[in-house]
Amino acid sequence: MTPTAAASASEYPSRPENPDQVGILAPIFKASGDPLRLEILRVLRRDTFGVLELSQLFGMRQSGMSHHLKVMHKAGLLEPQREGNAIFYRRPLHLDSDRLVDHTIRQIFDAVDRIPLAAHLQEKIHAIRNQRADQSQAFFARYAEKFREQQELIAAFELYARPVAELIGQRAPKQRWKTALEIGPGEGGFLPVLSQTCAQVTALDNSRDMLAKATRTCIDEGLNNIDLIEGVTENLRARGDAFDLIVANMVLHHVPSPADIFVDASALMNSGGCLVISDLCSHDQDWAKANCGDLWLGFEPEELTSWAHAAGLVTGESLFIGLRNGFQVQVREFWKPPEPG
């Protein structure tokens, strides 16, 4: 055998050293070897959908969709997420790049993410998000006068507002923030903190009723540097706005697509900017949907971290606050890395 042939045989052995490593890959490739299943993985890039929603997206019967989801779940491509009595599906949160199986799954995700979603799927996803948004807005329109009372069934405002304010207070002198955005200010209870921290503050809410209450707070508190806007983060991106600090207090569990908040926040933040979020950890108290207008029953900390990293943000400080009624609040800090040079 020539030296070249010997090297070739060494680099490419005829039999794998660990046959089991090959065997465990087969279910992954089998489960992903279907165009529809690859499309499902694409729409779940940032979103979480239920079986009925996925059936609606792809125009197929629920039984057929359930079969595909079962196969993909068994192969590790998807994981179920219980939201009260409903089951939603998402991509797995815990993927270790050092494990062959997880590395392979991540490569599949990376490959399908390179392909843009078809226009008709984007339209259907937008329609589902609008349905969710309408549900949330209807709740706030109905309970605008009892907003604080309804929210405090879960957590009193001070329990999460105080640690968020303290975190911002620790960072502000060093960062010298000038502009801030609060997404979903509610009654405007946190606006005095931001008004004192930054020269110019924008308060954004898609509920006209809640924005009216925030306006009243600004008048009563004499806050003259607050710009109140009715709309969503996409509207601010279209305007070309930019902020040093973005805050979202107990908002994510009310929005149709929580992952998009991270994407939009990253686009709206100046280099070196900070996003501070307080929200519920994942829980099983389904009554919160009917009584508090929640679309989601909290979030795993890893979910927020994953969405933030996908949006190009870096994780900062984390604080977890346990409540006596069984809920837990997470206060999270995410940073937009400074531009090189």
C-alpha atoms as a PDB file:
ATOM      1  CA  MET A   1       0.000   0.000   0.000  1.00  0.00           C
ATOM      2  CA  THR A   2       1.396   3.418  -0.914  1.00  0.00           C
ATOM      3  CA  PRO A   3       1.792   6.127   1.772  1.00  0.00           C
ATOM      4  CA  THR A   4      -0.991   8.135   0.099  1.00  0.00           C
ATOM      5  CA  ALA A   5      -3.356   5.178   0.135  1.00  0.00           C
ATOM      6  CA  ALA A   6      -2.488   4.439   3.766  1.00  0.00           C
ATOM      7  CA  ALA A   7      -3.271   8.042   4.772  1.00  0.00           C
ATOM      8  CA  SER A   8      -6.535   7.908   2.850  1.00  0.00           C
ATOM      9  CA  ALA A   9      -7.572   4.708   4.588  1.00  0.00           C
ATOM     10  CA  SER A  10      -6.704   6.259   7.951  1.00  0.00           C
ATOM     11  CA  GLU A  11      -8.728   9.395   7.325  1.00  0.00           C
ATOM     12  CA  TYR A  12     -11.764   7.520   6.021  1.00  0.00           C
ATOM     13  CA  PRO A  13     -12.073   4.186   7.899  1.00  0.00           C
ATOM     14  CA  SER A  14     -14.354   1.636   6.308  1.00  0.00           C
ATOM     15  CA  ARG A  15     -16.296   1.069   9.544  1.00  0.00           C
ATOM     16  CA  PRO A  16     -17.314   3.605  12.201  1.00  0.00           C
ATOM     17  CA  GLU A  17     -15.546   3.226  15.539  1.00  0.00           C
ATOM     18  CA  ASN A  18     -18.879   3.516  17.369  1.00  0.00           C
ATOM     19  CA  PRO A  19     -21.761   2.060  15.307  1.00  0.00           C
ATOM     20  CA  ASP A  20     -24.320   3.374  17.821  1.00  0.00           C
ATOM     21  CA  GLN A  21     -23.381   6.941  16.905  1.00  0.00           C
ATOM     22  CA  VAL A  22     -24.599   6.281  13.377  1.00  0.00           C
ATOM     23  CA  GLY A  23     -27.710   4.463  14.517  1.00  0.00           C
ATOM     24  CA  ILE A  24     -28.967   7.323  16.666  1.00  0.00           C
ATOM     25  CA  LEU A  25     -28.817   9.691  13.697  1.00  0.00           C
ATOM     26  CA  ALA A  26     -31.160   7.640  11.529  1.00  0.00           C
ATOM     27  CA  PRO A  27     -34.441   8.692  13.261  1.00  0.00           C
ATOM     28  CA  ILE A  28     -33.463  12.358  12.961  1.00  0.00           C
ATOM     29  CA  PHE A  29     -32.865  12.198   9.225  1.00  0.00           C
ATOM     30  CA  LYS A  30     -35.928  10.013   8.715  1.00  0.00           C
ATOM     31  CA  ALA A  31     -38.160  12.412  10.637  1.00  0.00           C
ATOM     32  CA  SER A  32     -36.775  15.437   8.793  1.00  0.00           C
ATOM     33  CA  GLY A  33     -36.800  13.780   5.382  1.00  0.00           C
ATOM     34  CA  ASP A  34     -40.200  15.181   4.409  1.00  0.00           C
ATOM     35  CA  PRO A  35     -40.886  18.610   2.815  1.00  0.00           C
ATOM     36  CA  LEU A  36     -43.880  19.307   5.050  1.00  0.00           C
ATOM     37  CA  ARG A  37     -41.927  18.578   8.220  1.00  0.00           C
ATOM     38  CA  LEU A  38     -39.135  20.870   7.077  1.00  0.00           C
ATOM     39  CA  GLU A  39     -41.758  23.575   6.504  1.00  0.00           C
ATOM     40  CA  ILE A  40     -43.048  23.006  10.043  1.00  0.00           C
ATOM     41  CA  LEU A  41     -39.528  23.501  11.397  1.00  0.00           C
ATOM     42  CA  ARG A  42     -39.256  26.746   9.443  1.00  0.00           C
ATOM     43  CA  VAL A  43     -42.442  28.280  10.860  1.00  0.00           C
ATOM     44  CA  LEU A  44     -41.332  27.277  14.371  1.00  0.00           C
ATOM     45  CA  ARG A  45     -38.083  29.201  14.067  1.00  0.00           C
ATOM     46  CA  ARG A  46     -39.239  31.785  16.608  1.00  0.00           C
ATOM     47  CA  ASP A  47     -42.921  31.020  17.087  1.00  0.00           C
ATOM     48  CA  THR A  48     -44.806  28.484  19.164  1.00  0.00           C
ATOM     49  CA  PHE A  49     -47.958  27.047  17.592  1.00  0.00           C
ATOM     50  CA  GLY A  50     -50.682  24.652  18.656  1.00  0.00           C
ATOM     51  CA  VAL A  51     -51.821  21.667  16.619  1.00  0.00           C
ATOM     52  CA  LEU A  52     -54.911  23.494  15.352  1.00  0.00           C
ATOM     53  CA  GLU A  53     -52.859  26.530  14.365  1.00  0.00           C
ATOM     54  CA  LEU A  54     -50.362  24.378  12.464  1.00  0.00           C
ATOM     55  CA  SER A  55     -53.250  22.575  10.748  1.00  0.00           C
ATOM     56  CA  GLN A  56     -54.602  25.981   9.764  1.00  0.00           C
ATOM     57  CA  LEU A  57     -51.214  27.080   8.450  1.00  0.00           C
ATOM     58  CA  PHE A  58     -50.735  24.039   6.241  1.00  0.00           C
ATOM     59  CA  GLY A  59     -54.352  23.346   5.320  1.00  0.00           C
ATOM     60  CA  MET A  60     -54.515  19.799   6.600  1.00  0.00           C
ATOM     61  CA  ARG A  61     -56.599  17.790   9.062  1.00  0.00           C
ATOM     62  CA  GLN A  62     -55.630  17.810  12.711  1.00  0.00           C
ATOM     63  CA  SER A  63     -55.083  14.030  12.774  1.00  0.00           C
ATOM     64  CA  GLY A  64     -52.534  14.241   9.974  1.00  0.00           C
ATOM     65  CA  MET A  65     -50.704  17.144  11.602  1.00  0.00           C
ATOM     66  CA  SER A  66     -50.661  15.338  14.950  1.00  0.00           C
ATOM     67  CA  HIS A  67     -48.952  12.359  13.297  1.00  0.00           C
ATOM     68  CA  HIS A  68     -46.187  14.518  11.834  1.00  0.00           C
ATOM     69  CA  LEU A  69     -45.652  16.287  15.149  1.00  0.00           C
ATOM     70  CA  LYS A  70     -45.468  12.988  17.017  1.00  0.00           C
ATOM     71  CA  VAL A  71     -42.763  11.674  14.669  1.00  0.00           C
ATOM     72  CA  MET A  72     -40.770  14.897  14.911  1.00  0.00           C
ATOM     73  CA  HIS A  73     -41.091  15.013  18.689  1.00  0.00           C
ATOM     74  CA  LYS A  74     -39.897  11.420  19.022  1.00  0.00           C
ATOM     75  CA  ALA A  75     -36.837  12.261  16.924  1.00  0.00           C
ATOM     76  CA  GLY A  76     -36.010  15.268  19.095  1.00  0.00           C
ATOM     77  CA  LEU A  77     -36.802  17.903  16.460  1.00  0.00           C
ATOM     78  CA  LEU A  78     -39.688  19.393  18.459  1.00  0.00           C
ATOM     79  CA  GLU A  79     -40.842  19.524  22.045  1.00  0.00           C
ATOM     80  CA  PRO A  80     -44.351  20.059  23.433  1.00  0.00           C
ATOM     81  CA  GLN A  81     -45.216  23.044  25.587  1.00  0.00           C
ATOM     82  CA  ARG A  82     -48.357  22.848  27.710  1.00  0.00           C
ATOM     83  CA  GLU A  83     -50.421  26.027  27.898  1.00  0.00           C
ATOM     84  CA  GLY A  84     -53.265  25.149  30.254  1.00  0.00           C
ATOM     85  CA  ASN A  85     -55.358  22.506  28.507  1.00  0.00           C
ATOM     86  CA  ALA A  86     -53.702  23.097  25.125  1.00  0.00           C
ATOM     87  CA  ILE A  87     -50.462  21.679  23.750  1.00  0.00           C
ATOM     88  CA  PHE A  88     -48.185  23.913  21.677  1.00  0.00           C
ATOM     89  CA  TYR A  89     -44.995  22.911  19.895  1.00  0.00           C
ATOM     90  CA  ARG A  90     -41.632  24.620  19.681  1.00  0.00           C
ATOM     91  CA  ARG A  91     -38.080  23.804  18.777  1.00  0.00           C
ATOM     92  CA  PRO A  92     -36.128  22.244  21.672  1.00  0.00           C
ATOM     93  CA  LEU A  93     -34.624  24.733  24.106  1.00  0.00           C
ATOM     94  CA  HIS A  94     -31.696  22.619  25.252  1.00  0.00           C
ATOM     95  CA  LEU A  95     -29.302  21.691  22.456  1.00  0.00           C
ATOM     96  CA  ASP A  96     -25.714  20.850  23.375  1.00  0.00           C
ATOM     97  CA  SER A  97     -23.361  21.399  20.446  1.00  0.00           C
ATOM     98  CA  ASP A  98     -20.954  18.840  21.944  1.00  0.00           C
ATOM     99  CA  ARG A  99     -23.506  16.035  21.558  1.00  0.00           C
ATOM    100  CA  LEU A 100     -23.669  14.502  18.077  1.00  0.00           C
ATOM    101  CA  VAL A 101     -27.481  14.277  18.109  1.00  0.00           C
ATOM    102  CA  ASP A 102     -27.965  17.892  19.178  1.00  0.00           C
ATOM    103  CA  HIS A 103     -25.294  19.090  16.776  1.00  0.00           C
ATOM    104  CA  THR A 104     -27.083  17.325  13.924  1.00  0.00           C
ATOM    105  CA  ILE A 105     -30.456  18.826  14.885  1.00  0.00           C
ATOM    106  CA  ARG A 106     -28.927  22.286  15.063  1.00  0.00           C
ATOM    107  CA  GLN A 107     -27.424  21.816  11.591  1.00  0.00           C
ATOM    108  CA  ILE A 108     -30.879  20.935  10.240  1.00  0.00           C
ATOM    109  CA  PHE A 109     -32.331  24.077  11.849  1.00  0.00           C
ATOM    110  CA  ASP A 110     -29.535  26.210  10.416  1.00  0.00           C
ATOM    111  CA  ALA A 111     -30.134  24.784   6.953  1.00  0.00           C
ATOM    112  CA  VAL A 112     -33.916  25.342   6.851  1.00  0.00           C
ATOM    113  CA  ASP A 113     -33.530  28.822   8.329  1.00  0.00           C
ATOM    114  CA  ARG A 114     -31.584  29.867   5.257  1.00  0.00           C
ATOM    115  CA  ILE A 115     -34.721  29.440   3.137  1.00  0.00           C
ATOM    116  CA  PRO A 116     -37.212  32.335   3.285  1.00  0.00           C
ATOM    117  CA  LEU A 117     -40.799  31.487   4.187  1.00  0.00           C
ATOM    118  CA  ALA A 118     -43.268  31.499   1.308  1.00  0.00           C
ATOM    119  CA  ALA A 119     -45.511  34.556   1.143  1.00  0.00           C
ATOM    120  CA  HIS A 120     -48.708  32.577   1.762  1.00  0.00           C
ATOM    121  CA  LEU A 121     -47.268  31.110   4.973  1.00  0.00           C
ATOM    122  CA  GLN A 122     -46.190  34.539   6.173  1.00  0.00           C
ATOM    123  CA  GLU A 123     -49.716  35.808   5.573  1.00  0.00           C
ATOM    124  CA  LYS A 124     -51.251  32.929   7.536  1.00  0.00           C
ATOM    125  CA  ILE A 125     -48.814  33.415  10.418  1.00  0.00           C
ATOM    126  CA  HIS A 126     -49.681  37.107  10.447  1.00  0.00           C
ATOM    127  CA  ALA A 127     -53.380  36.201  10.589  1.00  0.00           C
ATOM    128  CA  ILE A 128     -52.812  33.913  13.598  1.00  0.00           C
ATOM    129  CA  ARG A 129     -50.847  36.626  15.389  1.00  0.00           C
ATOM    130  CA  ASN A 130     -53.661  39.077  14.678  1.00  0.00           C
ATOM    131  CA  GLN A 131     -56.155  36.634  16.211  1.00  0.00           C
ATOM    132  CA  ARG A 132     -54.032  36.442  19.338  1.00  0.00           C
ATOM    133  CA  ALA A 133     -53.586  40.235  19.438  1.00  0.00           C
ATOM    134  CA  ASP A 134     -57.341  40.783  19.072  1.00  0.00           C
ATOM    135  CA  GLN A 135     -57.917  38.438  22.005  1.00  0.00           C
ATOM    136  CA  SER A 136     -55.472  40.387  24.172  1.00  0.00           C
ATOM    137  CA  GLN A 137     -56.801  43.810  23.129  1.00  0.00           C
ATOM    138  CA  ALA A 138     -60.379  42.735  23.812  1.00  0.00           C
ATOM    139  CA  PHE A 139     -59.404  41.823  27.357  1.00  0.00           C
ATOM    140  CA  PHE A 140     -57.720  45.165  28.052  1.00  0.00           C
ATOM    141  CA  ALA A 141     -60.646  47.066  26.524  1.00  0.00           C
ATOM    142  CA  ARG A 142     -63.023  45.156  28.801  1.00  0.00           C
ATOM    143  CA  TYR A 143     -60.983  45.512  31.991  1.00  0.00           C
ATOM    144  CA  ALA A 144     -59.172  48.834  31.497  1.00  0.00           C
ATOM    145  CA  GLU A 145     -60.774  50.282  34.623  1.00  0.00           C
ATOM    146  CA  LYS A 146     -59.785  47.248  36.679  1.00  0.00           C
ATOM    147  CA  PHE A 147     -56.363  46.676  35.135  1.00  0.00           C
ATOM    148  CA  ARG A 148     -54.313  46.948  38.327  1.00  0.00           C
ATOM    149  CA  GLU A 149     -56.780  44.796  40.243  1.00  0.00           C
ATOM    150  CA  GLN A 150     -56.695  42.066  37.565  1.00  0.00           C
ATOM    151  CA  GLN A 151     -52.902  42.081  37.244  1.00  0.00           C
ATOM    152  CA  GLU A 152     -52.364  41.936  40.980  1.00  0.00           C
ATOM    153  CA  LEU A 153     -54.178  38.616  41.073  1.00  0.00           C
ATOM    154  CA  ILE A 154     -50.785  37.337  39.925  1.00  0.00           C
ATOM    155  CA  ALA A 155     -48.188  39.857  41.103  1.00  0.00           C
ATOM    156  CA  ALA A 156     -48.389  43.265  42.743  1.00  0.00           C
ATOM    157  CA  PHE A 157     -46.783  45.970  40.612  1.00  0.00           C
ATOM    158  CA  GLU A 158     -44.171  46.825  43.241  1.00  0.00           C
ATOM    159  CA  LEU A 159     -42.891  43.240  43.410  1.00  0.00           C
ATOM    160  CA  TYR A 160     -41.386  43.424  39.928  1.00  0.00           C
ATOM    161  CA  ALA A 161     -41.184  47.196  39.366  1.00  0.00           C
ATOM    162  CA  ARG A 162     -38.856  47.774  42.316  1.00  0.00           C
ATOM    163  CA  PRO A 163     -36.126  45.276  41.284  1.00  0.00           C
ATOM    164  CA  VAL A 164     -36.316  46.510  37.672  1.00  0.00           C
ATOM    165  CA  ALA A 165     -35.931  50.103  38.880  1.00  0.00           C
ATOM    166  CA  GLU A 166     -33.001  49.126  41.101  1.00  0.00           C
ATOM    167  CA  LEU A 167     -31.272  47.334  38.239  1.00  0.00           C
ATOM    168  CA  ILE A 168     -31.716  50.332  35.938  1.00  0.00           C
ATOM    169  CA  GLY A 169     -30.554  52.662  38.718  1.00  0.00           C
ATOM    170  CA  GLN A 170     -27.329  50.666  39.072  1.00  0.00           C
ATOM    171  CA  ARG A 171     -26.600  50.832  35.354  1.00  0.00           C
ATOM    172  CA  ALA A 172     -27.757  54.364  34.472  1.00  0.00           C
ATOM    173  CA  PRO A 173     -24.877  56.456  35.920  1.00  0.00           C
ATOM    174  CA  LYS A 174     -22.283  54.454  34.023  1.00  0.00           C
ATOM    175  CA  GLN A 175     -24.237  54.068  30.788  1.00  0.00           C
ATOM    176  CA  ARG A 176     -25.570  57.640  30.622  1.00  0.00           C
ATOM    177  CA  TRP A 177     -28.690  56.619  28.763  1.00  0.00           C
ATOM    178  CA  LYS A 178     -30.487  59.425  26.938  1.00  0.00           C
ATOM    179  CA  THR A 179     -33.460  57.701  25.324  1.00  0.00           C
ATOM    180  CA  ALA A 180     -35.748  54.972  26.644  1.00  0.00           C
ATOM    181  CA  LEU A 181     -38.698  52.955  25.365  1.00  0.00           C
ATOM    182  CA  GLU A 182     -41.252  51.181  27.492  1.00  0.00           C
ATOM    183  CA  ILE A 183     -43.222  48.525  25.641  1.00  0.00           C
ATOM    184  CA  GLY A 184     -46.697  48.068  27.102  1.00  0.00           C
ATOM    185  CA  PRO A 185     -46.640  50.698  29.892  1.00  0.00           C
ATOM    186  CA  GLY A 186     -50.112  49.737  31.141  1.00  0.00           C
ATOM    187  CA  GLU A 187     -51.324  52.452  33.488  1.00  0.00           C
ATOM    188  CA  GLY A 188     -47.918  54.146  33.291  1.00  0.00           C
ATOM    189  CA  GLY A 189     -46.752  53.146  36.745  1.00  0.00           C
ATOM    190  CA  PHE A 190     -43.129  52.685  35.658  1.00  0.00           C
ATOM    191  CA  LEU A 191     -42.915  55.847  33.535  1.00  0.00           C
ATOM    192  CA  PRO A 192     -41.785  58.085  36.441  1.00  0.00           C
ATOM    193  CA  VAL A 193     -38.677  55.893  36.838  1.00  0.00           C
ATOM    194  CA  LEU A 194     -37.821  56.153  33.157  1.00  0.00           C
ATOM    195  CA  SER A 195     -38.632  59.870  33.098  1.00  0.00           C
ATOM    196  CA  GLN A 196     -36.007  60.467  35.776  1.00  0.00           C
ATOM    197  CA  THR A 197     -33.483  58.166  34.098  1.00  0.00           C
ATOM    198  CA  CYS A 198     -33.577  59.432  30.503  1.00  0.00           C
ATOM    199  CA  ALA A 199     -34.078  62.801  28.837  1.00  0.00           C
ATOM    200  CA  GLN A 200     -36.620  61.403  26.376  1.00  0.00           C
ATOM    201  CA  VAL A 201     -38.965  58.464  26.902  1.00  0.00           C
ATOM    202  CA  THR A 202     -41.356  56.758  24.490  1.00  0.00           C
ATOM    203  CA  ALA A 203     -44.273  54.697  25.813  1.00  0.00           C
ATOM    204  CA  LEU A 204     -45.731  52.274  23.280  1.00  0.00           C
ATOM    205  CA  ASP A 205     -49.013  50.383  23.693  1.00  0.00           C
ATOM    206  CA  ASN A 206     -51.436  48.819  21.222  1.00  0.00           C
ATOM    207  CA  SER A 207     -54.373  49.335  23.609  1.00  0.00           C
ATOM    208  CA  ARG A 208     -55.969  52.758  23.277  1.00  0.00           C
ATOM    209  CA  ASP A 209     -57.702  52.329  26.626  1.00  0.00           C
ATOM    210  CA  MET A 210     -54.465  51.582  28.481  1.00  0.00           C
ATOM    211  CA  LEU A 211     -52.665  54.397  26.684  1.00  0.00           C
ATOM    212  CA  ALA A 212     -55.336  56.800  27.911  1.00  0.00           C
ATOM    213  CA  LYS A 213     -54.649  55.692  31.497  1.00  0.00           C
ATOM    214  CA  ALA A 214     -50.890  56.111  30.962  1.00  0.00           C
ATOM    215  CA  THR A 215     -51.560  59.613  29.645  1.00  0.00           C
ATOM    216  CA  ARG A 216     -53.469  60.443  32.811  1.00  0.00           C
ATOM    217  CA  THR A 217     -50.520  59.202  34.889  1.00  0.00           C
ATOM    218  CA  CYS A 218     -48.138  61.467  32.954  1.00  0.00           C
ATOM    219  CA  ILE A 219     -50.416  64.453  33.591  1.00  0.00           C
ATOM    220  CA  ASP A 220     -50.851  63.687  37.289  1.00  0.00           C
ATOM    221  CA  GLU A 221     -47.108  63.095  37.791  1.00  0.00           C
ATOM    222  CA  GLY A 222     -46.052  66.086  35.671  1.00  0.00           C
ATOM    223  CA  LEU A 223     -43.996  63.943  33.295  1.00  0.00           C
ATOM    224  CA  ASN A 224     -43.155  66.256  30.407  1.00  0.00           C
ATOM    225  CA  ASN A 225     -40.611  64.116  28.575  1.00  0.00           C
ATOM    226  CA  ILE A 226     -42.882  61.195  27.673  1.00  0.00           C
ATOM    227  CA  ASP A 227     -44.066  60.544  24.115  1.00  0.00           C
ATOM    228  CA  LEU A 228     -47.068  58.187  24.168  1.00  0.00           C
ATOM    229  CA  ILE A 229     -47.662  56.216  20.967  1.00  0.00           C
ATOM    230  CA  GLU A 230     -50.424  53.792  20.025  1.00  0.00           C
ATOM    231  CA  GLY A 231     -49.023  50.886  18.032  1.00  0.00           C
ATOM    232  CA  VAL A 232     -46.507  48.045  18.077  1.00  0.00           C
ATOM    233  CA  THR A 233     -42.733  47.797  17.821  1.00  0.00           C
ATOM    234  CA  GLU A 234     -42.908  47.373  14.044  1.00  0.00           C
ATOM    235  CA  ASN A 235     -44.278  50.919  13.813  1.00  0.00           C
ATOM    236  CA  LEU A 236     -41.230  52.314  15.600  1.00  0.00           C
ATOM    237  CA  ARG A 237     -38.881  50.330  13.367  1.00  0.00           C
ATOM    238  CA  ALA A 238     -40.607  51.805  10.320  1.00  0.00           C
ATOM    239  CA  ARG A 239     -40.041  55.294  11.752  1.00  0.00           C
ATOM    240  CA  GLY A 240     -36.351  54.576  12.291  1.00  0.00           C
ATOM    241  CA  ASP A 241     -36.432  55.225  16.044  1.00  0.00           C
ATOM    242  CA  ALA A 242     -33.501  54.190  18.238  1.00  0.00           C
ATOM    243  CA  PHE A 243     -33.139  53.881  22.012  1.00  0.00           C
ATOM    244  CA  ASP A 244     -30.446  53.337  24.620  1.00  0.00           C
ATOM    245  CA  LEU A 245     -32.756  51.496  27.025  1.00  0.00           C
ATOM    246  CA  ILE A 246     -35.853  49.353  26.376  1.00  0.00           C
ATOM    247  CA  VAL A 247     -38.080  48.031  29.151  1.00  0.00           C
ATOM    248  CA  ALA A 248     -40.930  45.497  28.984  1.00  0.00           C
ATOM    249  CA  ASN A 249     -42.591  44.829  32.335  1.00  0.00           C
ATOM    250  CA  MET A 250     -44.946  41.836  32.413  1.00  0.00           C
ATOM    251  CA  VAL A 251     -45.659  42.243  28.703  1.00  0.00           C
ATOM    252  CA  LEU A 252     -44.355  39.139  26.945  1.00  0.00           C
ATOM    253  CA  HIS A 253     -47.137  36.856  28.168  1.00  0.00           C
ATOM    254  CA  HIS A 254     -49.661  39.213  26.522  1.00  0.00           C
ATOM    255  CA  VAL A 255     -48.095  39.476  23.036  1.00  0.00           C
ATOM    256  CA  PRO A 256     -48.848  37.183  20.058  1.00  0.00           C
ATOM    257  CA  SER A 257     -45.191  36.406  19.276  1.00  0.00           C
ATOM    258  CA  PRO A 258     -42.871  37.022  22.257  1.00  0.00           C
ATOM    259  CA  ALA A 259     -39.722  36.181  20.288  1.00  0.00           C
ATOM    260  CA  ASP A 260     -40.408  39.084  17.947  1.00  0.00           C
ATOM    261  CA  ILE A 261     -40.072  41.514  20.848  1.00  0.00           C
ATOM    262  CA  PHE A 262     -36.406  40.546  21.084  1.00  0.00           C
ATOM    263  CA  VAL A 263     -35.865  40.923  17.340  1.00  0.00           C
ATOM    264  CA  ASP A 264     -37.545  44.325  17.276  1.00  0.00           C
ATOM    265  CA  ALA A 265     -35.810  45.479  20.465  1.00  0.00           C
ATOM    266  CA  SER A 266     -32.430  44.554  18.995  1.00  0.00           C
ATOM    267  CA  ALA A 267     -33.233  46.524  15.834  1.00  0.00           C
ATOM    268  CA  LEU A 268     -34.456  49.508  17.871  1.00  0.00           C
ATOM    269  CA  MET A 269     -31.500  49.629  20.266  1.00  0.00           C
ATOM    270  CA  ASN A 270     -28.424  51.726  19.796  1.00  0.00           C
ATOM    271  CA  SER A 271     -25.073  49.955  19.934  1.00  0.00           C
ATOM    272  CA  GLY A 272     -24.370  49.032  23.554  1.00  0.00           C
ATOM    273  CA  GLY A 273     -28.059  49.406  24.446  1.00  0.00           C
ATOM    274  CA  CYS A 274     -29.873  47.423  27.118  1.00  0.00           C
ATOM    275  CA  LEU A 275     -33.155  45.506  27.174  1.00  0.00           C
ATOM    276  CA  VAL A 276     -34.692  44.818  30.600  1.00  0.00           C
ATOM    277  CA  ILE A 277     -37.589  42.383  30.849  1.00  0.00           C
ATOM    278  CA  SER A 278     -39.673  41.244  33.778  1.00  0.00           C
ATOM    279  CA  ASP A 279     -42.119  38.423  33.198  1.00  0.00           C
ATOM    280  CA  LEU A 280     -43.552  35.243  34.609  1.00  0.00           C
ATOM    281  CA  CYS A 281     -41.682  31.983  34.705  1.00  0.00           C
ATOM    282  CA  SER A 282     -43.543  29.042  33.182  1.00  0.00           C
ATOM    283  CA  HIS A 283     -46.520  27.960  35.315  1.00  0.00           C
ATOM    284  CA  ASP A 284     -49.656  25.815  35.085  1.00  0.00           C
ATOM    285  CA  GLN A 285     -52.312  28.178  36.465  1.00  0.00           C
ATOM    286  CA  ASP A 286     -54.627  28.252  33.479  1.00  0.00           C
ATOM    287  CA  TRP A 287     -57.109  30.634  35.143  1.00  0.00           C
ATOM    288  CA  ALA A 288     -54.690  33.477  34.356  1.00  0.00           C
ATOM    289  CA  LYS A 289     -55.772  33.378  30.718  1.00  0.00           C
ATOM    290  CA  ALA A 290     -59.400  34.198  31.448  1.00  0.00           C
ATOM    291  CA  ASN A 291     -58.839  36.453  34.454  1.00  0.00           C
ATOM    292  CA  CYS A 292     -55.719  38.371  33.405  1.00  0.00           C
ATOM    293  CA  GLY A 293     -55.792  38.243  29.597  1.00  0.00           C
ATOM    294  CA  ASP A 294     -52.638  36.119  29.381  1.00  0.00           C
ATOM    295  CA  LEU A 295     -51.869  34.489  26.042  1.00  0.00           C
ATOM    296  CA  TRP A 296     -48.969  32.455  27.469  1.00  0.00           C
ATOM    297  CA  LEU A 297     -48.509  30.790  30.846  1.00  0.00           C
ATOM    298  CA  GLY A 298     -45.090  32.284  31.464  1.00  0.00           C
ATOM    299  CA  PHE A 299     -41.761  31.266  29.958  1.00  0.00           C
ATOM    300  CA  GLU A 300     -38.806  29.074  30.721  1.00  0.00           C
ATOM    301  CA  PRO A 301     -35.721  31.247  31.348  1.00  0.00           C
ATOM    302  CA  GLU A 302     -33.995  29.324  28.570  1.00  0.00           C
ATOM    303  CA  GLU A 303     -36.687  30.490  26.143  1.00  0.00           C
ATOM    304  CA  LEU A 304     -35.906  34.140  26.766  1.00  0.00           C
ATOM    305  CA  THR A 305     -32.173  33.447  26.550  1.00  0.00           C
ATOM    306  CA  SER A 306     -32.601  31.585  23.260  1.00  0.00           C
ATOM    307  CA  TRP A 307     -34.719  34.338  21.706  1.00  0.00           C
ATOM    308  CA  ALA A 308     -32.282  36.990  22.879  1.00  0.00           C
ATOM    309  CA  HIS A 309     -29.227  35.200  21.485  1.00  0.00           C
ATOM    310  CA  ALA A 310     -31.005  34.609  18.169  1.00  0.00           C
ATOM    311  CA  ALA A 311     -31.630  38.369  18.020  1.00  0.00           C
ATOM    312  CA  GLY A 312     -27.943  39.110  18.569  1.00  0.00           C
ATOM    313  CA  LEU A 313     -28.226  40.093  22.235  1.00  0.00           C
ATOM    314  CA  VAL A 314     -25.973  39.072  25.114  1.00  0.00           C
ATOM    315  CA  THR A 315     -27.343  37.879  28.452  1.00  0.00           C
ATOM    316  CA  GLY A 316     -26.694  40.055  31.482  1.00  0.00           C
ATOM    317  CA  GLU A 317     -27.972  39.821  35.053  1.00  0.00           C
ATOM    318  CA  SER A 318     -30.885  37.562  36.035  1.00  0.00           C
ATOM    319  CA  LEU A 319     -33.078  37.785  39.122  1.00  0.00           C
ATOM    320  CA  PHE A 320     -35.849  35.369  40.142  1.00  0.00           C
ATOM    321  CA  ILE A 321     -38.589  36.371  42.579  1.00  0.00           C
ATOM    322  CA  GLY A 322     -40.811  33.706  44.128  1.00  0.00           C
ATOM    323  CA  LEU A 323     -44.359  34.731  45.041  1.00  0.00           C
ATOM    324  CA  ARG A 324     -46.561  33.216  47.727  1.00  0.00           C
ATOM    325  CA  ASN A 325     -49.327  32.361  45.247  1.00  0.00           C
ATOM    326  CA  GLY A 326     -47.083  29.933  43.379  1.00  0.00           C
ATOM    327  CA  PHE A 327     -45.939  32.253  40.610  1.00  0.00           C
ATOM    328  CA  GLN A 328     -42.327  33.212  39.973  1.00  0.00           C
ATOM    329  CA  VAL A 329     -41.161  36.396  38.255  1.00  0.00           C
ATOM    330  CA  GLN A 330     -37.914  36.623  36.312  1.00  0.00           C
ATOM    331  CA  VAL A 331     -36.122  39.930  35.783  1.00  0.00           C
ATOM    332  CA  ARG A 332     -33.699  39.627  32.875  1.00  0.00           C
ATOM    333  CA  GLU A 333     -31.112  41.914  31.349  1.00  0.00           C
ATOM    334  CA  PHE A 334     -29.905  41.682  27.732  1.00  0.00           C
ATOM    335  CA  TRP A 335     -27.339  43.856  25.957  1.00  0.00           C
ATOM    336  CA  LYS A 336     -26.676  44.770  22.350  1.00  0.00           C
ATOM    337  CA  PRO A 337     -22.910  44.415  21.827  1.00  0.00           C
ATOM    338  CA  PRO A 338     -21.045  47.610  20.911  1.00  0.00           C
ATOM    339  CA  GLU A 339     -20.078  47.926  17.271  1.00  0.00           C
ATOM    340  CA  PRO A 340     -16.409  47.116  16.545  1.00  0.00           C
ATOM    341  CA  GLY A 341     -14.119  50.114  16.542  1.00  0.00           C
END
